[in-house]
Amino acid sequence: MKESGWTVGKVAQRCGVNISTLHFYEKKGLIRSWRNAGNQRRYKADVLRRVSVIKAAQKMGISLESIKQAFATLPDQRTPTANDWKKLSKGWQGELNARIAYLERLRDSLTGCIGCGCLSMKNCPIYNEDDKLAAEGSGPVILDRAKKSMLA
């Protein structure tokens, strides 16, 4: 297929995503297309790599906003090269390590008090007597407290 002639259907098929996903990525500013004379979307071939990078990053748990910010660091909004991918993925390592640590704490705390305020577990009164943790915010305060310290 010609460099400048990729249809939305062909890109979706080749990348293994729905057409609506491509429209969504485009709306979010992650990919670009143009309209041909018949007002149909067309993509350059490099959009395949860009969508593949997005999918790979998402599989690692990276948010679309983080992906967009990373793409914004590339000169002239170019598609990431192999070297760019190394830099981008290295930049996400800290975020991933914090997420892994949080998930490990969550796994290890599943049978204990997480500071949610329910006070229904046997050991909750030890950690959260009279729901004193409510002053720190809503949700699983103990887990969130540990997460915030990891990100700081």
N, C-alpha and C. Protein backbone atom coordinates (compact mmCIF):
# COMPACT_ATOMS: atom_id res chain seq x y z
N MET A 1 0.85 -1.18 0.00
CA MET A 1 0.00 0.00 0.00
C MET A 1 0.89 1.24 0.00
N LYS A 2 0.46 2.28 -0.67
CA LYS A 2 1.25 3.51 -0.77
C LYS A 2 1.48 4.12 0.60
N GLU A 3 2.61 4.81 0.74
CA GLU A 3 2.99 5.48 1.98
C GLU A 3 1.86 6.34 2.53
N SER A 4 1.17 7.05 1.66
CA SER A 4 0.18 8.02 2.14
C SER A 4 -1.24 7.55 1.97
N GLY A 5 -1.45 6.28 1.71
CA GLY A 5 -2.79 5.84 1.39
C GLY A 5 -3.46 4.89 2.36
N TRP A 6 -3.02 4.81 3.59
CA TRP A 6 -3.61 3.85 4.53
C TRP A 6 -4.99 4.31 4.96
N THR A 7 -5.98 3.48 4.73
CA THR A 7 -7.34 3.79 5.17
C THR A 7 -7.48 3.45 6.65
N VAL A 8 -8.50 4.01 7.27
CA VAL A 8 -8.73 3.75 8.68
C VAL A 8 -8.99 2.26 8.92
N GLY A 9 -9.70 1.61 7.99
CA GLY A 9 -9.96 0.18 8.13
C GLY A 9 -8.70 -0.66 8.05
N LYS A 10 -7.80 -0.32 7.12
CA LYS A 10 -6.55 -1.07 6.98
C LYS A 10 -5.65 -0.87 8.20
N VAL A 11 -5.59 0.36 8.70
CA VAL A 11 -4.78 0.63 9.90
C VAL A 11 -5.34 -0.15 11.09
N ALA A 12 -6.65 -0.10 11.26
CA ALA A 12 -7.28 -0.82 12.36
C ALA A 12 -7.01 -2.32 12.27
N GLN A 13 -7.16 -2.86 11.07
CA GLN A 13 -6.92 -4.29 10.86
C GLN A 13 -5.47 -4.65 11.15
N ARG A 14 -4.54 -3.88 10.61
CA ARG A 14 -3.12 -4.18 10.77
C ARG A 14 -2.65 -4.03 12.22
N CYS A 15 -3.25 -3.08 12.94
CA CYS A 15 -2.85 -2.83 14.33
C CYS A 15 -3.62 -3.66 15.35
N GLY A 16 -4.69 -4.30 14.89
CA GLY A 16 -5.49 -5.11 15.80
C GLY A 16 -6.33 -4.28 16.76
N VAL A 17 -6.83 -3.15 16.29
CA VAL A 17 -7.69 -2.29 17.10
C VAL A 17 -8.98 -2.01 16.33
N ASN A 18 -9.96 -1.52 17.02
CA ASN A 18 -11.20 -1.10 16.38
C ASN A 18 -11.01 0.24 15.70
N ILE A 19 -11.80 0.50 14.70
CA ILE A 19 -11.77 1.80 14.03
C ILE A 19 -12.07 2.91 15.04
N SER A 20 -13.00 2.64 15.95
CA SER A 20 -13.34 3.65 16.97
C SER A 20 -12.13 3.96 17.86
N THR A 21 -11.25 3.00 18.06
CA THR A 21 -10.03 3.24 18.83
C THR A 21 -9.14 4.24 18.11
N LEU A 22 -9.00 4.09 16.81
CA LEU A 22 -8.21 5.05 16.04
C LEU A 22 -8.81 6.44 16.10
N HIS A 23 -10.12 6.52 16.00
CA HIS A 23 -10.79 7.82 16.11
C HIS A 23 -10.54 8.42 17.49
N PHE A 24 -10.60 7.58 18.52
CA PHE A 24 -10.35 8.03 19.89
C PHE A 24 -8.91 8.54 20.05
N TYR A 25 -7.94 7.76 19.56
CA TYR A 25 -6.54 8.19 19.62
C TYR A 25 -6.34 9.51 18.90
N GLU A 26 -7.02 9.66 17.79
CA GLU A 26 -6.90 10.89 17.02
C GLU A 26 -7.49 12.07 17.79
N LYS A 27 -8.64 11.84 18.40
CA LYS A 27 -9.29 12.89 19.19
C LYS A 27 -8.40 13.31 20.36
N LYS A 28 -7.66 12.35 20.92
CA LYS A 28 -6.75 12.63 22.04
C LYS A 28 -5.42 13.24 21.59
N GLY A 29 -5.20 13.33 20.28
CA GLY A 29 -3.98 13.92 19.77
C GLY A 29 -2.79 12.97 19.74
N LEU A 30 -3.05 11.66 19.78
CA LEU A 30 -1.98 10.67 19.78
C LEU A 30 -1.55 10.28 18.36
N ILE A 31 -2.48 10.35 17.42
CA ILE A 31 -2.18 10.05 16.02
C ILE A 31 -2.82 11.13 15.16
N ARG A 32 -2.39 11.18 13.88
CA ARG A 32 -2.94 12.17 12.96
C ARG A 32 -3.32 11.51 11.64
N SER A 33 -4.32 12.07 11.03
CA SER A 33 -4.72 11.66 9.69
C SER A 33 -5.04 12.92 8.90
N TRP A 34 -5.37 12.73 7.67
CA TRP A 34 -5.85 13.84 6.85
C TRP A 34 -7.00 13.30 6.02
N ARG A 35 -7.68 14.17 5.36
CA ARG A 35 -8.82 13.78 4.52
C ARG A 35 -8.42 13.86 3.06
N ASN A 36 -8.79 12.84 2.31
CA ASN A 36 -8.52 12.85 0.87
C ASN A 36 -9.62 13.65 0.14
N ALA A 37 -9.56 13.66 -1.16
CA ALA A 37 -10.53 14.43 -1.95
C ALA A 37 -11.96 13.95 -1.72
N GLY A 38 -12.13 12.68 -1.38
CA GLY A 38 -13.45 12.12 -1.09
C GLY A 38 -13.84 12.26 0.38
N ASN A 39 -13.08 13.05 1.14
CA ASN A 39 -13.31 13.32 2.57
C ASN A 39 -13.17 12.06 3.43
N GLN A 40 -12.32 11.12 3.00
CA GLN A 40 -12.06 9.91 3.78
C GLN A 40 -10.73 10.08 4.51
N ARG A 41 -10.66 9.53 5.73
CA ARG A 41 -9.41 9.58 6.49
C ARG A 41 -8.33 8.77 5.80
N ARG A 42 -7.12 9.30 5.85
CA ARG A 42 -5.94 8.59 5.35
C ARG A 42 -4.80 8.78 6.35
N TYR A 43 -3.97 7.76 6.45
CA TYR A 43 -2.85 7.76 7.38
C TYR A 43 -1.56 7.44 6.64
N LYS A 44 -0.46 7.98 7.16
CA LYS A 44 0.86 7.56 6.70
C LYS A 44 1.18 6.22 7.33
N ALA A 45 2.07 5.48 6.72
CA ALA A 45 2.41 4.14 7.21
C ALA A 45 2.99 4.17 8.62
N ASP A 46 3.65 5.28 8.99
CA ASP A 46 4.28 5.32 10.32
C ASP A 46 3.26 5.32 11.46
N VAL A 47 1.97 5.52 11.14
CA VAL A 47 0.95 5.46 12.18
C VAL A 47 0.89 4.06 12.78
N LEU A 48 1.29 3.04 12.00
CA LEU A 48 1.30 1.66 12.52
C LEU A 48 2.24 1.55 13.72
N ARG A 49 3.41 2.15 13.61
CA ARG A 49 4.37 2.11 14.72
C ARG A 49 3.85 2.91 15.90
N ARG A 50 3.28 4.07 15.62
CA ARG A 50 2.77 4.93 16.69
C ARG A 50 1.66 4.20 17.47
N VAL A 51 0.75 3.56 16.77
CA VAL A 51 -0.32 2.81 17.44
C VAL A 51 0.27 1.63 18.20
N SER A 52 1.26 0.99 17.65
CA SER A 52 1.91 -0.14 18.34
C SER A 52 2.59 0.32 19.62
N VAL A 53 3.24 1.47 19.59
CA VAL A 53 3.86 2.03 20.80
C VAL A 53 2.78 2.34 21.84
N ILE A 54 1.68 2.92 21.40
CA ILE A 54 0.57 3.23 22.32
C ILE A 54 0.07 1.95 22.98
N LYS A 55 -0.15 0.92 22.17
CA LYS A 55 -0.65 -0.34 22.70
C LYS A 55 0.34 -0.97 23.67
N ALA A 56 1.63 -0.95 23.33
CA ALA A 56 2.64 -1.53 24.21
C ALA A 56 2.70 -0.77 25.53
N ALA A 57 2.65 0.54 25.47
CA ALA A 57 2.70 1.35 26.69
C ALA A 57 1.45 1.10 27.54
N GLN A 58 0.30 1.00 26.91
CA GLN A 58 -0.92 0.73 27.65
C GLN A 58 -0.87 -0.64 28.33
N LYS A 59 -0.28 -1.62 27.67
CA LYS A 59 -0.15 -2.95 28.29
C LYS A 59 0.71 -2.88 29.54
N MET A 60 1.64 -1.92 29.58
CA MET A 60 2.47 -1.74 30.77
C MET A 60 1.74 -0.92 31.84
N GLY A 61 0.54 -0.44 31.51
CA GLY A 61 -0.23 0.34 32.48
C GLY A 61 0.00 1.83 32.39
N ILE A 62 0.62 2.29 31.32
CA ILE A 62 0.88 3.72 31.16
C ILE A 62 -0.40 4.39 30.64
N SER A 63 -0.73 5.52 31.23
CA SER A 63 -1.95 6.22 30.83
C SER A 63 -1.78 6.89 29.46
N LEU A 64 -2.89 7.13 28.80
CA LEU A 64 -2.84 7.82 27.51
C LEU A 64 -2.26 9.23 27.67
N GLU A 65 -2.52 9.86 28.79
CA GLU A 65 -1.97 11.20 29.03
C GLU A 65 -0.45 11.15 29.12
N SER A 66 0.09 10.14 29.81
CA SER A 66 1.55 9.98 29.89
C SER A 66 2.15 9.69 28.52
N ILE A 67 1.44 8.88 27.74
CA ILE A 67 1.91 8.57 26.38
C ILE A 67 1.92 9.84 25.54
N LYS A 68 0.87 10.62 25.64
CA LYS A 68 0.79 11.88 24.88
C LYS A 68 1.92 12.82 25.28
N GLN A 69 2.19 12.93 26.57
CA GLN A 69 3.28 13.78 27.04
C GLN A 69 4.63 13.29 26.52
N ALA A 70 4.80 11.98 26.50
CA ALA A 70 6.06 11.42 25.99
C ALA A 70 6.20 11.70 24.50
N PHE A 71 5.12 11.52 23.75
CA PHE A 71 5.16 11.82 22.31
C PHE A 71 5.48 13.28 22.06
N ALA A 72 5.01 14.15 22.93
CA ALA A 72 5.24 15.59 22.77
C ALA A 72 6.73 15.96 22.87
N THR A 73 7.53 15.08 23.46
CA THR A 73 8.97 15.35 23.58
C THR A 73 9.72 15.03 22.29
N LEU A 74 9.05 14.36 21.36
CA LEU A 74 9.71 13.99 20.11
C LEU A 74 9.70 15.17 19.14
N PRO A 75 10.82 15.41 18.46
CA PRO A 75 10.88 16.54 17.52
C PRO A 75 9.84 16.42 16.41
N ASP A 76 9.19 17.51 16.11
CA ASP A 76 8.24 17.60 15.00
C ASP A 76 7.14 16.54 15.05
N GLN A 77 6.77 16.11 16.26
CA GLN A 77 5.73 15.10 16.44
C GLN A 77 6.00 13.83 15.63
N ARG A 78 7.26 13.49 15.45
CA ARG A 78 7.58 12.31 14.65
C ARG A 78 7.18 11.04 15.39
N THR A 79 7.09 9.99 14.64
CA THR A 79 6.81 8.68 15.21
C THR A 79 8.06 8.17 15.91
N PRO A 80 7.92 7.55 17.09
CA PRO A 80 9.10 7.09 17.83
C PRO A 80 9.94 6.08 17.05
N THR A 81 11.25 6.30 17.08
CA THR A 81 12.19 5.34 16.53
C THR A 81 12.51 4.30 17.60
N ALA A 82 13.34 3.33 17.27
CA ALA A 82 13.75 2.33 18.26
C ALA A 82 14.46 3.00 19.43
N ASN A 83 15.32 3.97 19.14
CA ASN A 83 16.01 4.70 20.22
C ASN A 83 15.03 5.52 21.05
N ASP A 84 14.06 6.13 20.38
CA ASP A 84 13.03 6.89 21.11
C ASP A 84 12.27 5.96 22.06
N TRP A 85 11.93 4.77 21.57
CA TRP A 85 11.19 3.81 22.39
C TRP A 85 12.00 3.46 23.63
N LYS A 86 13.31 3.27 23.49
CA LYS A 86 14.15 2.97 24.65
C LYS A 86 14.08 4.09 25.67
N LYS A 87 14.15 5.33 25.19
CA LYS A 87 14.09 6.49 26.09
C LYS A 87 12.72 6.61 26.74
N LEU A 88 11.67 6.44 25.94
CA LEU A 88 10.32 6.55 26.48
C LEU A 88 10.07 5.50 27.54
N SER A 89 10.42 4.26 27.23
CA SER A 89 10.16 3.17 28.18
C SER A 89 11.00 3.33 29.44
N LYS A 90 12.22 3.83 29.30
CA LYS A 90 13.05 4.08 30.48
C LYS A 90 12.43 5.17 31.35
N GLY A 91 11.85 6.17 30.71
CA GLY A 91 11.19 7.24 31.45
C GLY A 91 9.99 6.75 32.24
N TRP A 92 9.37 5.68 31.78
CA TRP A 92 8.20 5.13 32.47
C TRP A 92 8.57 4.14 33.56
N GLN A 93 9.84 3.79 33.69
CA GLN A 93 10.23 2.77 34.66
C GLN A 93 9.90 3.17 36.09
N GLY A 94 10.12 4.43 36.45
CA GLY A 94 9.81 4.89 37.81
C GLY A 94 8.33 4.75 38.12
N GLU A 95 7.51 5.15 37.15
CA GLU A 95 6.06 5.03 37.32
C GLU A 95 5.66 3.57 37.48
N LEU A 96 6.26 2.71 36.67
CA LEU A 96 5.94 1.28 36.74
C LEU A 96 6.42 0.67 38.05
N ASN A 97 7.62 1.06 38.50
CA ASN A 97 8.13 0.53 39.77
C ASN A 97 7.24 0.94 40.94
N ALA A 98 6.75 2.20 40.92
CA ALA A 98 5.83 2.65 41.97
C ALA A 98 4.53 1.86 41.93
N ARG A 99 4.03 1.60 40.73
CA ARG A 99 2.79 0.83 40.59
C ARG A 99 3.00 -0.61 41.07
N ILE A 100 4.14 -1.20 40.74
CA ILE A 100 4.44 -2.57 41.19
C ILE A 100 4.50 -2.61 42.71
N ALA A 101 5.18 -1.64 43.32
CA ALA A 101 5.28 -1.60 44.78
C ALA A 101 3.90 -1.45 45.41
N TYR A 102 3.06 -0.60 44.82
CA TYR A 102 1.70 -0.42 45.32
C TYR A 102 0.91 -1.72 45.22
N LEU A 103 1.02 -2.40 44.09
CA LEU A 103 0.30 -3.67 43.92
C LEU A 103 0.80 -4.73 44.90
N GLU A 104 2.09 -4.73 45.18
CA GLU A 104 2.63 -5.67 46.16
C GLU A 104 2.07 -5.38 47.55
N ARG A 105 2.00 -4.10 47.92
CA ARG A 105 1.41 -3.74 49.21
C ARG A 105 -0.06 -4.11 49.25
N LEU A 106 -0.76 -3.88 48.15
CA LEU A 106 -2.17 -4.25 48.08
C LEU A 106 -2.33 -5.75 48.27
N ARG A 107 -1.52 -6.52 47.54
CA ARG A 107 -1.57 -7.97 47.66
C ARG A 107 -1.33 -8.40 49.11
N ASP A 108 -0.35 -7.80 49.74
CA ASP A 108 0.03 -8.19 51.10
C ASP A 108 -0.95 -7.67 52.15
N SER A 109 -1.81 -6.73 51.78
CA SER A 109 -2.76 -6.14 52.73
C SER A 109 -4.19 -6.61 52.52
N LEU A 110 -4.40 -7.52 51.61
CA LEU A 110 -5.77 -7.92 51.29
C LEU A 110 -6.54 -8.46 52.48
N THR A 111 -5.84 -9.01 53.45
CA THR A 111 -6.53 -9.56 54.61
C THR A 111 -6.49 -8.63 55.81
N GLY A 112 -5.93 -7.44 55.64
CA GLY A 112 -5.82 -6.51 56.76
C GLY A 112 -6.51 -5.19 56.48
N CYS A 113 -6.40 -4.31 57.44
CA CYS A 113 -7.01 -2.98 57.34
C CYS A 113 -6.28 -2.14 56.29
N ILE A 114 -7.06 -1.53 55.41
CA ILE A 114 -6.48 -0.65 54.39
C ILE A 114 -6.87 0.81 54.63
N GLY A 115 -7.60 1.04 55.73
CA GLY A 115 -7.96 2.41 56.09
C GLY A 115 -9.15 2.96 55.35
N CYS A 116 -10.07 2.08 54.95
CA CYS A 116 -11.22 2.54 54.16
C CYS A 116 -12.34 3.12 55.02
N GLY A 117 -12.32 2.85 56.32
CA GLY A 117 -13.34 3.40 57.21
C GLY A 117 -14.45 2.44 57.57
N CYS A 118 -14.44 1.24 57.02
CA CYS A 118 -15.55 0.32 57.30
C CYS A 118 -15.50 -0.25 58.72
N LEU A 119 -14.30 -0.37 59.28
CA LEU A 119 -14.08 -0.87 60.64
C LEU A 119 -14.71 -2.24 60.89
N SER A 120 -14.89 -3.02 59.87
CA SER A 120 -15.56 -4.31 60.01
C SER A 120 -14.61 -5.47 60.27
N MET A 121 -13.32 -5.25 60.05
CA MET A 121 -12.37 -6.35 60.23
C MET A 121 -11.83 -6.33 61.65
N LYS A 122 -11.38 -7.49 62.09
CA LYS A 122 -10.88 -7.64 63.46
C LYS A 122 -9.74 -6.68 63.77
N ASN A 123 -8.83 -6.46 62.80
CA ASN A 123 -7.67 -5.62 63.10
C ASN A 123 -7.86 -4.15 62.74
N CYS A 124 -9.00 -3.77 62.18
CA CYS A 124 -9.23 -2.35 61.84
C CYS A 124 -9.16 -1.44 63.07
N PRO A 125 -9.77 -1.83 64.19
CA PRO A 125 -9.67 -0.94 65.35
C PRO A 125 -8.23 -0.67 65.80
N ILE A 126 -7.34 -1.57 65.49
CA ILE A 126 -5.94 -1.37 65.85
C ILE A 126 -5.33 -0.26 65.00
N TYR A 127 -5.62 -0.29 63.70
CA TYR A 127 -5.03 0.67 62.77
C TYR A 127 -5.87 1.93 62.57
N ASN A 128 -7.17 1.80 62.77
CA ASN A 128 -8.07 2.90 62.41
C ASN A 128 -9.20 3.05 63.43
N GLU A 129 -8.84 3.14 64.68
CA GLU A 129 -9.84 3.26 65.74
C GLU A 129 -10.75 4.47 65.50
N ASP A 130 -12.03 4.25 65.60
CA ASP A 130 -13.04 5.30 65.40
C ASP A 130 -12.89 6.01 64.06
N ASP A 131 -12.34 5.34 63.08
CA ASP A 131 -12.15 5.89 61.73
C ASP A 131 -11.39 7.21 61.75
N LYS A 132 -10.34 7.27 62.56
CA LYS A 132 -9.52 8.49 62.64
C LYS A 132 -8.85 8.82 61.30
N LEU A 133 -8.71 7.80 60.43
CA LEU A 133 -8.06 8.03 59.14
C LEU A 133 -8.93 8.83 58.17
N ALA A 134 -10.21 9.02 58.50
CA ALA A 134 -11.09 9.80 57.63
C ALA A 134 -10.56 11.22 57.45
N ALA A 135 -9.81 11.72 58.43
CA ALA A 135 -9.24 13.06 58.33
C ALA A 135 -8.21 13.16 57.21
N GLU A 136 -7.66 12.01 56.78
CA GLU A 136 -6.65 12.01 55.71
C GLU A 136 -7.27 11.89 54.32
N GLY A 137 -8.57 11.65 54.26
CA GLY A 137 -9.23 11.55 52.96
C GLY A 137 -10.12 10.34 52.86
N SER A 138 -10.64 10.13 51.67
CA SER A 138 -11.55 9.01 51.45
C SER A 138 -10.82 7.82 50.85
N GLY A 139 -11.49 6.68 50.87
CA GLY A 139 -10.92 5.49 50.26
C GLY A 139 -9.92 4.78 51.15
N PRO A 140 -9.09 3.93 50.56
CA PRO A 140 -8.12 3.13 51.33
C PRO A 140 -6.91 3.97 51.73
N VAL A 141 -7.07 4.75 52.79
CA VAL A 141 -6.08 5.75 53.20
C VAL A 141 -4.70 5.14 53.44
N ILE A 142 -4.65 4.01 54.10
CA ILE A 142 -3.34 3.40 54.41
C ILE A 142 -2.61 3.04 53.13
N LEU A 143 -3.30 2.43 52.19
CA LEU A 143 -2.67 2.09 50.92
C LEU A 143 -2.30 3.35 50.15
N ASP A 144 -3.20 4.32 50.13
CA ASP A 144 -2.92 5.56 49.39
C ASP A 144 -1.77 6.34 50.01
N ARG A 145 -1.66 6.30 51.32
CA ARG A 145 -0.56 6.99 52.00
C ARG A 145 0.78 6.40 51.55
N ALA A 146 0.86 5.10 51.50
CA ALA A 146 2.08 4.44 51.06
C ALA A 146 2.37 4.75 49.60
N LYS A 147 1.33 4.80 48.79
CA LYS A 147 1.50 5.11 47.35
C LYS A 147 2.04 6.52 47.17
N LYS A 148 1.50 7.48 47.92
CA LYS A 148 1.94 8.87 47.81
C LYS A 148 3.40 9.01 48.21
N SER A 149 3.81 8.29 49.25
CA SER A 149 5.22 8.39 49.67
C SER A 149 6.16 7.80 48.64
N MET A 150 5.70 6.78 47.89
CA MET A 150 6.52 6.19 46.84
C MET A 150 6.71 7.15 45.66
N LEU A 151 5.65 7.93 45.37
CA LEU A 151 5.70 8.84 44.23
C LEU A 151 6.41 10.15 44.56
N ALA A 152 6.58 10.43 45.82
CA ALA A 152 7.22 11.69 46.22
C ALA A 152 8.70 11.66 46.05
